[in-house]
Amino acid sequence: MIQLTPEAQRLREEYFRRIRGYVSVVGGTAADDVLAEVQGHLDQELHGVSQPVSGMCLSTVLKRL
């Protein structure tokens, strides 16, 4: 599991809150699938990065996503 600094955790929560808003119109498990897919991409991008991941590092990854 990827460990985040408090700043990075805040950024992640904000990013996921926005995604939930975008996919809420779909509803049901589709929204959960999207969030799981995004988390998978985050995990893949942050694999091998020094832990805990900083807010700056996470912000760079989120911009690419």
PDB file of N, CA and C in Angstrom:
ATOM      1  N   MET A   1       0.838  -1.177   0.000  1.00  0.00           N
ATOM      2  CA  MET A   1       0.000   0.000   0.000  1.00  0.00           C
ATOM      3  C   MET A   1       0.886   1.244   0.000  1.00  0.00           C
ATOM      4  N   ILE A   2       0.500   2.216  -0.792  1.00  0.00           N
ATOM      5  CA  ILE A   2       1.254   3.454  -0.919  1.00  0.00           C
ATOM      6  C   ILE A   2       0.987   4.335   0.303  1.00  0.00           C
ATOM      7  N   GLN A   3       2.049   4.835   0.895  1.00  0.00           N
ATOM      8  CA  GLN A   3       1.921   5.745   2.032  1.00  0.00           C
ATOM      9  C   GLN A   3       2.060   7.178   1.528  1.00  0.00           C
ATOM     10  N   LEU A   4       1.176   8.045   2.025  1.00  0.00           N
ATOM     11  CA  LEU A   4       1.153   9.438   1.596  1.00  0.00           C
ATOM     12  C   LEU A   4       1.409  10.361   2.776  1.00  0.00           C
ATOM     13  N   THR A   5       2.055  11.498   2.507  1.00  0.00           N
ATOM     14  CA  THR A   5       2.165  12.531   3.529  1.00  0.00           C
ATOM     15  C   THR A   5       0.769  13.111   3.741  1.00  0.00           C
ATOM     16  N   PRO A   6       0.553  13.842   4.819  1.00  0.00           N
ATOM     17  CA  PRO A   6      -0.762  14.460   5.031  1.00  0.00           C
ATOM     18  C   PRO A   6      -1.193  15.354   3.861  1.00  0.00           C
ATOM     19  N   GLU A   7      -0.259  16.108   3.302  1.00  0.00           N
ATOM     20  CA  GLU A   7      -0.588  16.963   2.157  1.00  0.00           C
ATOM     21  C   GLU A   7      -1.007  16.113   0.957  1.00  0.00           C
ATOM     22  N   ALA A   8      -0.278  15.050   0.693  1.00  0.00           N
ATOM     23  CA  ALA A   8      -0.616  14.178  -0.429  1.00  0.00           C
ATOM     24  C   ALA A   8      -1.959  13.499  -0.193  1.00  0.00           C
ATOM     25  N   GLN A   9      -2.235  13.099   1.029  1.00  0.00           N
ATOM     26  CA  GLN A   9      -3.521  12.480   1.349  1.00  0.00           C
ATOM     27  C   GLN A   9      -4.663  13.461   1.076  1.00  0.00           C
ATOM     28  N   ARG A  10      -4.469  14.719   1.447  1.00  0.00           N
ATOM     29  CA  ARG A  10      -5.481  15.744   1.194  1.00  0.00           C
ATOM     30  C   ARG A  10      -5.718  15.907  -0.310  1.00  0.00           C
ATOM     31  N   LEU A  11      -4.640  15.939  -1.082  1.00  0.00           N
ATOM     32  CA  LEU A  11      -4.755  16.061  -2.539  1.00  0.00           C
ATOM     33  C   LEU A  11      -5.501  14.871  -3.134  1.00  0.00           C
ATOM     34  N   ARG A  12      -5.172  13.670  -2.648  1.00  0.00           N
ATOM     35  CA  ARG A  12      -5.833  12.466  -3.142  1.00  0.00           C
ATOM     36  C   ARG A  12      -7.318  12.508  -2.836  1.00  0.00           C
ATOM     37  N   GLU A  13      -7.671  12.880  -1.614  1.00  0.00           N
ATOM     38  CA  GLU A  13      -9.075  12.942  -1.227  1.00  0.00           C
ATOM     39  C   GLU A  13      -9.837  13.972  -2.068  1.00  0.00           C
ATOM     40  N   GLU A  14      -9.220  15.111  -2.308  1.00  0.00           N
ATOM     41  CA  GLU A  14      -9.843  16.142  -3.137  1.00  0.00           C
ATOM     42  C   GLU A  14     -10.048  15.635  -4.572  1.00  0.00           C
ATOM     43  N   TYR A  15      -9.041  14.978  -5.112  1.00  0.00           N
ATOM     44  CA  TYR A  15      -9.112  14.443  -6.473  1.00  0.00           C
ATOM     45  C   TYR A  15     -10.232  13.406  -6.581  1.00  0.00           C
ATOM     46  N   PHE A  16     -10.295  12.502  -5.606  1.00  0.00           N
ATOM     47  CA  PHE A  16     -11.333  11.468  -5.629  1.00  0.00           C
ATOM     48  C   PHE A  16     -12.722  12.062  -5.402  1.00  0.00           C
ATOM     49  N   ARG A  17     -12.817  13.120  -4.610  1.00  0.00           N
ATOM     50  CA  ARG A  17     -14.099  13.788  -4.400  1.00  0.00           C
ATOM     51  C   ARG A  17     -14.612  14.357  -5.723  1.00  0.00           C
ATOM     52  N   ARG A  18     -13.708  14.954  -6.497  1.00  0.00           N
ATOM     53  CA  ARG A  18     -14.111  15.494  -7.810  1.00  0.00           C
ATOM     54  C   ARG A  18     -14.531  14.374  -8.754  1.00  0.00           C
ATOM     55  N   ILE A  19     -13.786  13.281  -8.771  1.00  0.00           N
ATOM     56  CA  ILE A  19     -14.134  12.149  -9.633  1.00  0.00           C
ATOM     57  C   ILE A  19     -15.507  11.604  -9.246  1.00  0.00           C
ATOM     58  N   ARG A  20     -15.751  11.453  -7.936  1.00  0.00           N
ATOM     59  CA  ARG A  20     -17.068  10.972  -7.491  1.00  0.00           C
ATOM     60  C   ARG A  20     -18.177  11.872  -8.020  1.00  0.00           C
ATOM     61  N   GLY A  21     -17.943  13.166  -8.007  1.00  0.00           N
ATOM     62  CA  GLY A  21     -18.933  14.105  -8.535  1.00  0.00           C
ATOM     63  C   GLY A  21     -19.175  13.892 -10.020  1.00  0.00           C
ATOM     64  N   TYR A  22     -18.114  13.653 -10.772  1.00  0.00           N
ATOM     65  CA  TYR A  22     -18.247  13.435 -12.219  1.00  0.00           C
ATOM     66  C   TYR A  22     -18.988  12.145 -12.536  1.00  0.00           C
ATOM     67  N   VAL A  23     -18.695  11.091 -11.790  1.00  0.00           N
ATOM     68  CA  VAL A  23     -19.276   9.786 -12.113  1.00  0.00           C
ATOM     69  C   VAL A  23     -20.557   9.491 -11.343  1.00  0.00           C
ATOM     70  N   SER A  24     -20.971  10.410 -10.481  1.00  0.00           N
ATOM     71  CA  SER A  24     -22.178  10.168  -9.689  1.00  0.00           C
ATOM     72  C   SER A  24     -23.417  10.038 -10.561  1.00  0.00           C
ATOM     73  N   VAL A  25     -23.392  10.642 -11.742  1.00  0.00           N
ATOM     74  CA  VAL A  25     -24.544  10.529 -12.643  1.00  0.00           C
ATOM     75  C   VAL A  25     -24.697   9.102 -13.157  1.00  0.00           C
ATOM     76  N   VAL A  26     -23.604   8.353 -13.182  1.00  0.00           N
ATOM     77  CA  VAL A  26     -23.648   6.962 -13.628  1.00  0.00           C
ATOM     78  C   VAL A  26     -24.254   6.092 -12.528  1.00  0.00           C
ATOM     79  N   GLY A  27     -23.804   6.362 -11.286  1.00  0.00           N
ATOM     80  CA  GLY A  27     -24.330   5.641 -10.132  1.00  0.00           C
ATOM     81  C   GLY A  27     -23.897   4.190 -10.072  1.00  0.00           C
ATOM     82  N   GLY A  28     -24.376   3.526  -9.045  1.00  0.00           N
ATOM     83  CA  GLY A  28     -24.128   2.094  -8.875  1.00  0.00           C
ATOM     84  C   GLY A  28     -22.670   1.725  -8.825  1.00  0.00           C
ATOM     85  N   THR A  29     -22.410   0.522  -9.281  1.00  0.00           N
ATOM     86  CA  THR A  29     -21.052  -0.011  -9.213  1.00  0.00           C
ATOM     87  C   THR A  29     -20.133   0.599 -10.257  1.00  0.00           C
ATOM     88  N   ALA A  30     -20.684   1.233 -11.284  1.00  0.00           N
ATOM     89  CA  ALA A  30     -19.837   1.852 -12.310  1.00  0.00           C
ATOM     90  C   ALA A  30     -18.955   2.925 -11.678  1.00  0.00           C
ATOM     91  N   ALA A  31     -19.508   3.718 -10.784  1.00  0.00           N
ATOM     92  CA  ALA A  31     -18.725   4.748 -10.110  1.00  0.00           C
ATOM     93  C   ALA A  31     -17.623   4.106  -9.277  1.00  0.00           C
ATOM     94  N   ASP A  32     -17.940   3.045  -8.569  1.00  0.00           N
ATOM     95  CA  ASP A  32     -16.941   2.338  -7.770  1.00  0.00           C
ATOM     96  C   ASP A  32     -15.846   1.758  -8.661  1.00  0.00           C
ATOM     97  N   ASP A  33     -16.235   1.261  -9.826  1.00  0.00           N
ATOM     98  CA  ASP A  33     -15.253   0.704 -10.767  1.00  0.00           C
ATOM     99  C   ASP A  33     -14.290   1.790 -11.251  1.00  0.00           C
ATOM    100  N   VAL A  34     -14.811   2.965 -11.531  1.00  0.00           N
ATOM    101  CA  VAL A  34     -13.966   4.070 -11.988  1.00  0.00           C
ATOM    102  C   VAL A  34     -12.971   4.448 -10.897  1.00  0.00           C
ATOM    103  N   LEU A  35     -13.455   4.576  -9.665  1.00  0.00           N
ATOM    104  CA  LEU A  35     -12.569   4.935  -8.560  1.00  0.00           C
ATOM    105  C   LEU A  35     -11.501   3.867  -8.336  1.00  0.00           C
ATOM    106  N   ALA A  36     -11.865   2.618  -8.436  1.00  0.00           N
ATOM    107  CA  ALA A  36     -10.900   1.531  -8.282  1.00  0.00           C
ATOM    108  C   ALA A  36      -9.866   1.568  -9.400  1.00  0.00           C
ATOM    109  N   GLU A  37     -10.304   1.864 -10.597  1.00  0.00           N
ATOM    110  CA  GLU A  37      -9.387   1.954 -11.743  1.00  0.00           C
ATOM    111  C   GLU A  37      -8.393   3.099 -11.553  1.00  0.00           C
ATOM    112  N   VAL A  38      -8.882   4.234 -11.104  1.00  0.00           N
ATOM    113  CA  VAL A  38      -8.002   5.379 -10.853  1.00  0.00           C
ATOM    114  C   VAL A  38      -7.004   5.035  -9.755  1.00  0.00           C
ATOM    115  N   GLN A  39      -7.470   4.388  -8.682  1.00  0.00           N
ATOM    116  CA  GLN A  39      -6.559   4.003  -7.609  1.00  0.00           C
ATOM    117  C   GLN A  39      -5.499   3.040  -8.130  1.00  0.00           C
ATOM    118  N   GLY A  40      -5.879   2.134  -9.005  1.00  0.00           N
ATOM    119  CA  GLY A  40      -4.915   1.221  -9.604  1.00  0.00           C
ATOM    120  C   GLY A  40      -3.846   1.954 -10.390  1.00  0.00           C
ATOM    121  N   HIS A  41      -4.262   2.975 -11.137  1.00  0.00           N
ATOM    122  CA  HIS A  41      -3.296   3.777 -11.892  1.00  0.00           C
ATOM    123  C   HIS A  41      -2.365   4.534 -10.943  1.00  0.00           C
ATOM    124  N   LEU A  42      -2.924   5.070  -9.864  1.00  0.00           N
ATOM    125  CA  LEU A  42      -2.086   5.761  -8.882  1.00  0.00           C
ATOM    126  C   LEU A  42      -1.057   4.801  -8.289  1.00  0.00           C
ATOM    127  N   ASP A  43      -1.514   3.636  -7.885  1.00  0.00           N
ATOM    128  CA  ASP A  43      -0.609   2.643  -7.305  1.00  0.00           C
ATOM    129  C   ASP A  43       0.511   2.287  -8.282  1.00  0.00           C
ATOM    130  N   GLN A  44       0.145   2.119  -9.538  1.00  0.00           N
ATOM    131  CA  GLN A  44       1.138   1.767 -10.563  1.00  0.00           C
ATOM    132  C   GLN A  44       2.147   2.899 -10.750  1.00  0.00           C
ATOM    133  N   GLU A  45       1.659   4.126 -10.842  1.00  0.00           N
ATOM    134  CA  GLU A  45       2.538   5.271 -11.052  1.00  0.00           C
ATOM    135  C   GLU A  45       3.458   5.533  -9.857  1.00  0.00           C
ATOM    136  N   LEU A  46       2.975   5.227  -8.664  1.00  0.00           N
ATOM    137  CA  LEU A  46       3.739   5.532  -7.457  1.00  0.00           C
ATOM    138  C   LEU A  46       4.570   4.354  -6.961  1.00  0.00           C
ATOM    139  N   HIS A  47       4.462   3.217  -7.635  1.00  0.00           N
ATOM    140  CA  HIS A  47       5.250   2.044  -7.260  1.00  0.00           C
ATOM    141  C   HIS A  47       6.735   2.374  -7.400  1.00  0.00           C
ATOM    142  N   GLY A  48       7.477   2.123  -6.352  1.00  0.00           N
ATOM    143  CA  GLY A  48       8.920   2.368  -6.397  1.00  0.00           C
ATOM    144  C   GLY A  48       9.317   3.780  -5.995  1.00  0.00           C
ATOM    145  N   VAL A  49       8.334   4.655  -5.776  1.00  0.00           N
ATOM    146  CA  VAL A  49       8.627   6.020  -5.346  1.00  0.00           C
ATOM    147  C   VAL A  49       8.898   5.984  -3.846  1.00  0.00           C
ATOM    148  N   SER A  50       9.829   6.798  -3.413  1.00  0.00           N
ATOM    149  CA  SER A  50      10.167   6.872  -1.994  1.00  0.00           C
ATOM    150  C   SER A  50       8.920   7.206  -1.168  1.00  0.00           C
ATOM    151  N   GLN A  51       8.745   6.473  -0.064  1.00  0.00           N
ATOM    152  CA  GLN A  51       7.573   6.611   0.806  1.00  0.00           C
ATOM    153  C   GLN A  51       7.923   7.432   2.044  1.00  0.00           C
ATOM    154  N   PRO A  52       7.033   8.183   2.614  1.00  0.00           N
ATOM    155  CA  PRO A  52       5.705   8.484   2.111  1.00  0.00           C
ATOM    156  C   PRO A  52       5.791   9.443   0.929  1.00  0.00           C
ATOM    157  N   VAL A  53       4.845   9.311   0.018  1.00  0.00           N
ATOM    158  CA  VAL A  53       4.800  10.132  -1.193  1.00  0.00           C
ATOM    159  C   VAL A  53       4.420  11.561  -0.809  1.00  0.00           C
ATOM    160  N   SER A  54       5.172  12.504  -1.320  1.00  0.00           N
ATOM    161  CA  SER A  54       4.915  13.915  -1.005  1.00  0.00           C
ATOM    162  C   SER A  54       3.749  14.461  -1.829  1.00  0.00           C
ATOM    163  N   GLY A  55       3.231  15.578  -1.375  1.00  0.00           N
ATOM    164  CA  GLY A  55       2.162  16.242  -2.108  1.00  0.00           C
ATOM    165  C   GLY A  55       2.605  16.659  -3.496  1.00  0.00           C
ATOM    166  N   MET A  56       3.837  17.131  -3.622  1.00  0.00           N
ATOM    167  CA  MET A  56       4.347  17.565  -4.924  1.00  0.00           C
ATOM    168  C   MET A  56       4.425  16.392  -5.895  1.00  0.00           C
ATOM    169  N   CYS A  57       4.914  15.269  -5.408  1.00  0.00           N
ATOM    170  CA  CYS A  57       5.026  14.075  -6.250  1.00  0.00           C
ATOM    171  C   CYS A  57       3.639  13.606  -6.682  1.00  0.00           C
ATOM    172  N   LEU A  58       2.713  13.535  -5.746  1.00  0.00           N
ATOM    173  CA  LEU A  58       1.363  13.088  -6.078  1.00  0.00           C
ATOM    174  C   LEU A  58       0.693  14.051  -7.036  1.00  0.00           C
ATOM    175  N   SER A  59       0.886  15.329  -6.831  1.00  0.00           N
ATOM    176  CA  SER A  59       0.298  16.337  -7.718  1.00  0.00           C
ATOM    177  C   SER A  59       0.774  16.137  -9.157  1.00  0.00           C
ATOM    178  N   THR A  60       2.051  15.841  -9.324  1.00  0.00           N
ATOM    179  CA  THR A  60       2.594  15.592 -10.665  1.00  0.00           C
ATOM    180  C   THR A  60       1.924  14.391 -11.303  1.00  0.00           C
ATOM    181  N   VAL A  61       1.740  13.323 -10.534  1.00  0.00           N
ATOM    182  CA  VAL A  61       1.096  12.115 -11.053  1.00  0.00           C
ATOM    183  C   VAL A  61      -0.366  12.403 -11.395  1.00  0.00           C
ATOM    184  N   LEU A  62      -1.070  13.115 -10.523  1.00  0.00           N
ATOM    185  CA  LEU A  62      -2.480  13.409 -10.772  1.00  0.00           C
ATOM    186  C   LEU A  62      -2.663  14.258 -12.029  1.00  0.00           C
ATOM    187  N   LYS A  63      -1.741  15.151 -12.294  1.00  0.00           N
ATOM    188  CA  LYS A  63      -1.815  15.973 -13.511  1.00  0.00           C
ATOM    189  C   LYS A  63      -1.690  15.097 -14.755  1.00  0.00           C
ATOM    190  N   ARG A  64      -0.841  14.065 -14.683  1.00  0.00           N
ATOM    191  CA  ARG A  64      -0.693  13.162 -15.825  1.00  0.00           C
ATOM    192  C   ARG A  64      -1.949  12.310 -16.044  1.00  0.00           C
ATOM    193  N   LEU A  65      -2.616  11.974 -14.934  1.00  0.00           N
ATOM    194  CA  LEU A  65      -3.826  11.155 -15.059  1.00  0.00           C
ATOM    195  C   LEU A  65      -4.944  11.985 -15.634  1.00  0.00           C
TER     196      LEU A  65
END
